[in-house]
PDB file of N, CA and C in Angstrom:
ATOM      1  N   MET A   1      -5.752  34.419 -14.131  1.00  0.00           N
ATOM      2  CA  MET A   1      -4.633  33.499 -14.046  1.00  0.00           C
ATOM      3  C   MET A   1      -4.100  33.062 -15.207  1.00  0.00           C
ATOM      4  N   SER A   2      -2.821  33.016 -15.121  1.00  0.00           N
ATOM      5  CA  SER A   2      -1.967  32.767 -16.618  1.00  0.00           C
ATOM      6  C   SER A   2      -2.197  31.221 -16.947  1.00  0.00           C
ATOM      7  N   GLU A   3      -2.024  30.765 -17.822  1.00  0.00           N
ATOM      8  CA  GLU A   3      -1.865  29.604 -18.493  1.00  0.00           C
ATOM      9  C   GLU A   3      -0.600  28.764 -17.638  1.00  0.00           C
ATOM     10  N   VAL A   4       0.037  29.157 -17.370  1.00  0.00           N
ATOM     11  CA  VAL A   4       0.945  28.293 -16.630  1.00  0.00           C
ATOM     12  C   VAL A   4       0.164  27.837 -15.234  1.00  0.00           C
ATOM     13  N   ALA A   5      -0.225  28.465 -14.614  1.00  0.00           N
ATOM     14  CA  ALA A   5      -1.053  28.600 -13.191  1.00  0.00           C
ATOM     15  C   ALA A   5      -1.914  27.720 -13.404  1.00  0.00           C
ATOM     16  N   THR A   6      -2.525  27.621 -14.405  1.00  0.00           N
ATOM     17  CA  THR A   6      -3.825  26.932 -14.393  1.00  0.00           C
ATOM     18  C   THR A   6      -3.288  25.402 -14.924  1.00  0.00           C
ATOM     19  N   VAL A   7      -2.229  25.410 -15.876  1.00  0.00           N
ATOM     20  CA  VAL A   7      -1.751  23.614 -16.091  1.00  0.00           C
ATOM     21  C   VAL A   7      -1.228  23.364 -14.989  1.00  0.00           C
ATOM     22  N   ALA A   8      -0.491  24.067 -13.984  1.00  0.00           N
ATOM     23  CA  ALA A   8      -0.070  23.618 -12.817  1.00  0.00           C
ATOM     24  C   ALA A   8      -0.837  23.362 -11.676  1.00  0.00           C
ATOM     25  N   THR A   9      -2.260  24.236 -11.677  1.00  0.00           N
ATOM     26  CA  THR A   9      -3.226  23.776 -10.950  1.00  0.00           C
ATOM     27  C   THR A   9      -4.005  22.296 -11.163  1.00  0.00           C
ATOM     28  N   GLY A  10      -4.065  22.119 -12.596  1.00  0.00           N
ATOM     29  CA  GLY A  10      -4.751  20.914 -12.887  1.00  0.00           C
ATOM     30  C   GLY A  10      -3.922  19.831 -12.453  1.00  0.00           C
ATOM     31  N   TRP A  11      -2.416  19.959 -12.933  1.00  0.00           N
ATOM     32  CA  TRP A  11      -1.385  18.885 -12.462  1.00  0.00           C
ATOM     33  C   TRP A  11      -1.798  18.558 -10.895  1.00  0.00           C
ATOM     34  N   GLY A  12      -1.670  19.555 -10.035  1.00  0.00           N
ATOM     35  CA  GLY A  12      -1.550  19.351  -8.898  1.00  0.00           C
ATOM     36  C   GLY A  12      -3.046  18.879  -8.253  1.00  0.00           C
ATOM     37  N   LEU A  13      -4.037  19.048  -8.922  1.00  0.00           N
ATOM     38  CA  LEU A  13      -5.224  18.419  -8.473  1.00  0.00           C
ATOM     39  C   LEU A  13      -5.444  17.300  -8.817  1.00  0.00           C
ATOM     40  N   THR A  14      -4.906  16.660 -10.006  1.00  0.00           N
ATOM     41  CA  THR A  14      -4.764  15.434 -10.601  1.00  0.00           C
ATOM     42  C   THR A  14      -4.098  14.714  -9.625  1.00  0.00           C
ATOM     43  N   PHE A  15      -2.930  14.939  -9.345  1.00  0.00           N
ATOM     44  CA  PHE A  15      -2.195  14.269  -8.352  1.00  0.00           C
ATOM     45  C   PHE A  15      -2.711  13.926  -7.079  1.00  0.00           C
ATOM     46  N   VAL A  16      -3.498  14.987  -6.616  1.00  0.00           N
ATOM     47  CA  VAL A  16      -4.099  14.829  -5.355  1.00  0.00           C
ATOM     48  C   VAL A  16      -5.258  13.996  -5.247  1.00  0.00           C
ATOM     49  N   VAL A  17      -5.662  13.998  -6.717  1.00  0.00           N
ATOM     50  CA  VAL A  17      -6.824  13.018  -6.899  1.00  0.00           C
ATOM     51  C   VAL A  17      -6.496  11.464  -6.952  1.00  0.00           C
ATOM     52  N   ILE A  18      -5.350  11.250  -7.634  1.00  0.00           N
ATOM     53  CA  ILE A  18      -4.739   9.888  -7.551  1.00  0.00           C
ATOM     54  C   ILE A  18      -4.288   9.523  -6.616  1.00  0.00           C
ATOM     55  N   VAL A  19      -3.630  10.111  -5.812  1.00  0.00           N
ATOM     56  CA  VAL A  19      -2.656   9.548  -4.681  1.00  0.00           C
ATOM     57  C   VAL A  19      -4.071   9.458  -3.418  1.00  0.00           C
ATOM     58  N   THR A  20      -5.198  10.168  -3.138  1.00  0.00           N
ATOM     59  CA  THR A  20      -6.245   9.994  -2.535  1.00  0.00           C
ATOM     60  C   THR A  20      -7.004   8.411  -2.839  1.00  0.00           C
ATOM     61  N   TYR A  21      -7.223   8.218  -4.246  1.00  0.00           N
ATOM     62  CA  TYR A  21      -7.965   7.368  -4.727  1.00  0.00           C
ATOM     63  C   TYR A  21      -6.905   5.565  -4.228  1.00  0.00           C
ATOM     64  N   SER A  22      -5.653   5.960  -4.589  1.00  0.00           N
ATOM     65  CA  SER A  22      -4.783   4.736  -4.602  1.00  0.00           C
ATOM     66  C   SER A  22      -4.975   4.476  -2.806  1.00  0.00           C
ATOM     67  N   LEU A  23      -4.899   5.530  -1.976  1.00  0.00           N
ATOM     68  CA  LEU A  23      -4.685   5.126  -0.426  1.00  0.00           C
ATOM     69  C   LEU A  23      -6.407   4.404  -0.254  1.00  0.00           C
ATOM     70  N   TRP A  24      -6.995   5.356  -0.715  1.00  0.00           N
ATOM     71  CA  TRP A  24      -8.352   4.598  -0.607  1.00  0.00           C
ATOM     72  C   TRP A  24      -8.524   2.950  -1.070  1.00  0.00           C
ATOM     73  N   VAL A  25      -8.030   2.677  -2.296  1.00  0.00           N
ATOM     74  CA  VAL A  25      -7.691   1.363  -2.810  1.00  0.00           C
ATOM     75  C   VAL A  25      -7.053   0.835  -1.650  1.00  0.00           C
ATOM     76  N   VAL A  26      -6.210   0.992  -1.205  1.00  0.00           N
ATOM     77  CA  VAL A  26      -4.889  -0.029  -0.612  1.00  0.00           C
ATOM     78  C   VAL A  26      -5.780  -0.066   0.829  1.00  0.00           C
ATOM     79  N   SER A  27      -6.376   0.738   1.265  1.00  0.00           N
ATOM     80  CA  SER A  27      -7.045   0.710   2.582  1.00  0.00           C
ATOM     81  C   SER A  27      -8.552  -0.291   2.704  1.00  0.00           C
ATOM     82  N   ARG A  28      -9.084  -0.192   1.524  1.00  0.00           N
ATOM     83  CA  ARG A  28     -10.226  -1.044   1.373  1.00  0.00           C
ATOM     84  C   ARG A  28      -9.960  -2.528   1.281  1.00  0.00           C
ATOM     85  N   GLY A  29      -8.678  -2.506  -0.005  1.00  0.00           N
ATOM     86  CA  GLY A  29      -8.129  -4.002   0.125  1.00  0.00           C
ATOM     87  C   GLY A  29      -7.704  -4.720   1.168  1.00  0.00           C
ATOM     88  N   ARG A  30      -7.195  -3.887   2.350  1.00  0.00           N
ATOM     89  CA  ARG A  30      -6.802  -4.309   3.310  1.00  0.00           C
ATOM     90  C   ARG A  30      -8.252  -4.783   4.145  1.00  0.00           C
ATOM     91  N   SER A  31      -8.840  -4.066   4.115  1.00  0.00           N
ATOM     92  CA  SER A  31     -10.245  -4.384   5.161  1.00  0.00           C
ATOM     93  C   SER A  31     -11.043  -5.599   4.598  1.00  0.00           C
ATOM     94  N   ILE A  32     -10.698  -5.644   3.246  1.00  0.00           N
ATOM     95  CA  ILE A  32     -11.579  -6.851   2.759  1.00  0.00           C
ATOM     96  C   ILE A  32     -10.643  -7.859   3.041  1.00  0.00           C
ATOM     97  N   GLY A  33      -9.299  -8.201   2.816  1.00  0.00           N
ATOM     98  CA  GLY A  33      -8.591  -8.998   3.239  1.00  0.00           C
ATOM     99  C   GLY A  33      -8.810  -9.460   4.796  1.00  0.00           C
ATOM    100  N   ARG A  34      -8.750  -8.495   5.523  1.00  0.00           N
ATOM    101  CA  ARG A  34      -8.814  -8.748   7.063  1.00  0.00           C
ATOM    102  C   ARG A  34     -10.289  -9.723   7.123  1.00  0.00           C
ATOM    103  N   GLU A  35     -11.383  -9.096   6.474  1.00  0.00           N
ATOM    104  CA  GLU A  35     -12.782  -9.981   6.627  1.00  0.00           C
ATOM    105  C   GLU A  35     -12.674 -11.262   6.017  1.00  0.00           C
ATOM    106  N   LEU A  36     -11.639 -11.573   5.198  1.00  0.00           N
ATOM    107  CA  LEU A  36     -11.693 -12.998   4.582  1.00  0.00           C
ATOM    108  C   LEU A  36     -10.508 -13.696   5.042  1.00  0.00           C
ATOM    109  N   GLY A  37      -9.846 -12.940   6.056  1.00  0.00           N
ATOM    110  CA  GLY A  37      -8.607 -13.614   6.758  1.00  0.00           C
ATOM    111  C   GLY A  37      -7.670 -13.850   5.659  1.00  0.00           C
ATOM    112  N   ILE A  38      -7.330 -13.100   4.584  1.00  0.00           N
ATOM    113  CA  ILE A  38      -6.430 -12.990   3.638  1.00  0.00           C
ATOM    114  C   ILE A  38      -5.389 -12.087   4.314  1.00  0.00           C
ATOM    115  N   GLY A  39      -4.204 -12.523   4.036  1.00  0.00           N
ATOM    116  CA  GLY A  39      -2.983 -11.813   4.280  1.00  0.00           C
ATOM    117  C   GLY A  39      -2.657 -11.613   5.806  1.00  0.00           C
ATOM    118  N   GLU A  40      -3.304 -12.503   6.731  1.00  0.00           N
ATOM    119  CA  GLU A  40      -2.725 -12.367   8.071  1.00  0.00           C
ATOM    120  C   GLU A  40      -1.281 -12.687   8.373  1.00  0.00           C
ATOM    121  N   ALA A  41      -0.746 -12.099   9.489  1.00  0.00           N
ATOM    122  CA  ALA A  41       0.818 -12.211   9.766  1.00  0.00           C
ATOM    123  C   ALA A  41       1.148 -13.584   9.775  1.00  0.00           C
ATOM    124  N   GLN A  42       2.139 -14.261   8.937  1.00  0.00           N
ATOM    125  CA  GLN A  42       2.704 -15.724   9.229  1.00  0.00           C
ATOM    126  C   GLN A  42       4.178 -15.387   9.091  1.00  0.00           C
ATOM    127  N   PRO A  43       4.767 -16.542   9.963  1.00  0.00           N
ATOM    128  CA  PRO A  43       6.231 -16.309   9.635  1.00  0.00           C
ATOM    129  C   PRO A  43       6.940 -16.419   8.177  1.00  0.00           C
ATOM    130  N   SER A  44       7.535 -15.857   8.041  1.00  0.00           N
ATOM    131  CA  SER A  44       8.856 -15.686   6.866  1.00  0.00           C
ATOM    132  C   SER A  44       9.237 -17.005   6.762  1.00  0.00           C
ATOM    133  N   GLY A  45       9.794 -17.296   5.824  1.00  0.00           N
ATOM    134  CA  GLY A  45      10.652 -18.414   5.732  1.00  0.00           C
ATOM    135  C   GLY A  45      12.167 -18.248   6.425  1.00  0.00           C
ATOM    136  N   LEU A  46      12.235 -17.174   6.407  1.00  0.00           N
ATOM    137  CA  LEU A  46      13.528 -16.573   7.181  1.00  0.00           C
ATOM    138  C   LEU A  46      13.699 -16.780   8.743  1.00  0.00           C
ATOM    139  N   GLU A  47      12.282 -16.409   9.348  1.00  0.00           N
ATOM    140  CA  GLU A  47      11.958 -16.665  10.725  1.00  0.00           C
ATOM    141  C   GLU A  47      12.132 -17.887  10.727  1.00  0.00           C
ATOM    142  N   GLN A  48      11.389 -19.024   9.935  1.00  0.00           N
ATOM    143  CA  GLN A  48      11.051 -20.293  10.143  1.00  0.00           C
ATOM    144  C   GLN A  48      12.676 -21.063  10.206  1.00  0.00           C
ATOM    145  N   GLU A  49      13.621 -20.290   9.195  1.00  0.00           N
ATOM    146  CA  GLU A  49      15.134 -21.380   9.606  1.00  0.00           C
ATOM    147  C   GLU A  49      15.846 -20.693  10.985  1.00  0.00           C
ATOM    148  N   SER A  50      15.590 -19.629  11.546  1.00  0.00           N
ATOM    149  CA  SER A  50      16.241 -19.228  12.381  1.00  0.00           C
ATOM    150  C   SER A  50      15.667 -20.338  13.664  1.00  0.00           C
ATOM    151  N   ASP A  51      14.711 -20.666  13.684  1.00  0.00           N
ATOM    152  CA  ASP A  51      13.913 -21.134  14.491  1.00  0.00           C
ATOM    153  C   ASP A  51      14.408 -22.690  14.897  1.00  0.00           C
ATOM    154  N   LEU A  52      15.025 -23.083  13.919  1.00  0.00           N
ATOM    155  CA  LEU A  52      15.576 -24.291  13.471  1.00  0.00           C
ATOM    156  C   LEU A  52      16.741 -24.745  14.371  1.00  0.00           C
ATOM    157  N   SER A  53      17.114 -26.002  15.148  1.00  0.00           N
ATOM    158  CA  SER A  53      18.529 -25.619  15.785  1.00  0.00           C
ATOM    159  C   SER A  53      19.644 -26.073  14.599  1.00  0.00           C
ATOM    160  N   PRO A  54      20.874 -25.486  14.948  1.00  0.00           N
ATOM    161  CA  PRO A  54      21.898 -25.917  14.142  1.00  0.00           C
ATOM    162  C   PRO A  54      22.502 -27.649  13.943  1.00  0.00           C
ATOM    163  N   ASP A  55      22.909 -27.512  12.821  1.00  0.00           N
ATOM    164  CA  ASP A  55      23.279 -28.834  12.621  1.00  0.00           C
ATOM    165  C   ASP A  55      24.519 -29.384  13.219  1.00  0.00           C
ATOM    166  N   THR A  56      25.280 -28.302  13.741  1.00  0.00           N
ATOM    167  CA  THR A  56      26.526 -28.747  14.364  1.00  0.00           C
ATOM    168  C   THR A  56      26.268 -29.281  15.760  1.00  0.00           C
TER     169      THR A  56
END
């Protein structure tokens, strides 16, 4: 295996490990948030304003 192939393989594996770990962290954070009731869907300010009747 050439030096270029070795370096490319190392970078590729590093990228895969970092992406996999990032996805795991996000998944774990969401599951913990659900357990604690954090981040539940709530209407945004824009949706709340659209529910109001117009002033005219």
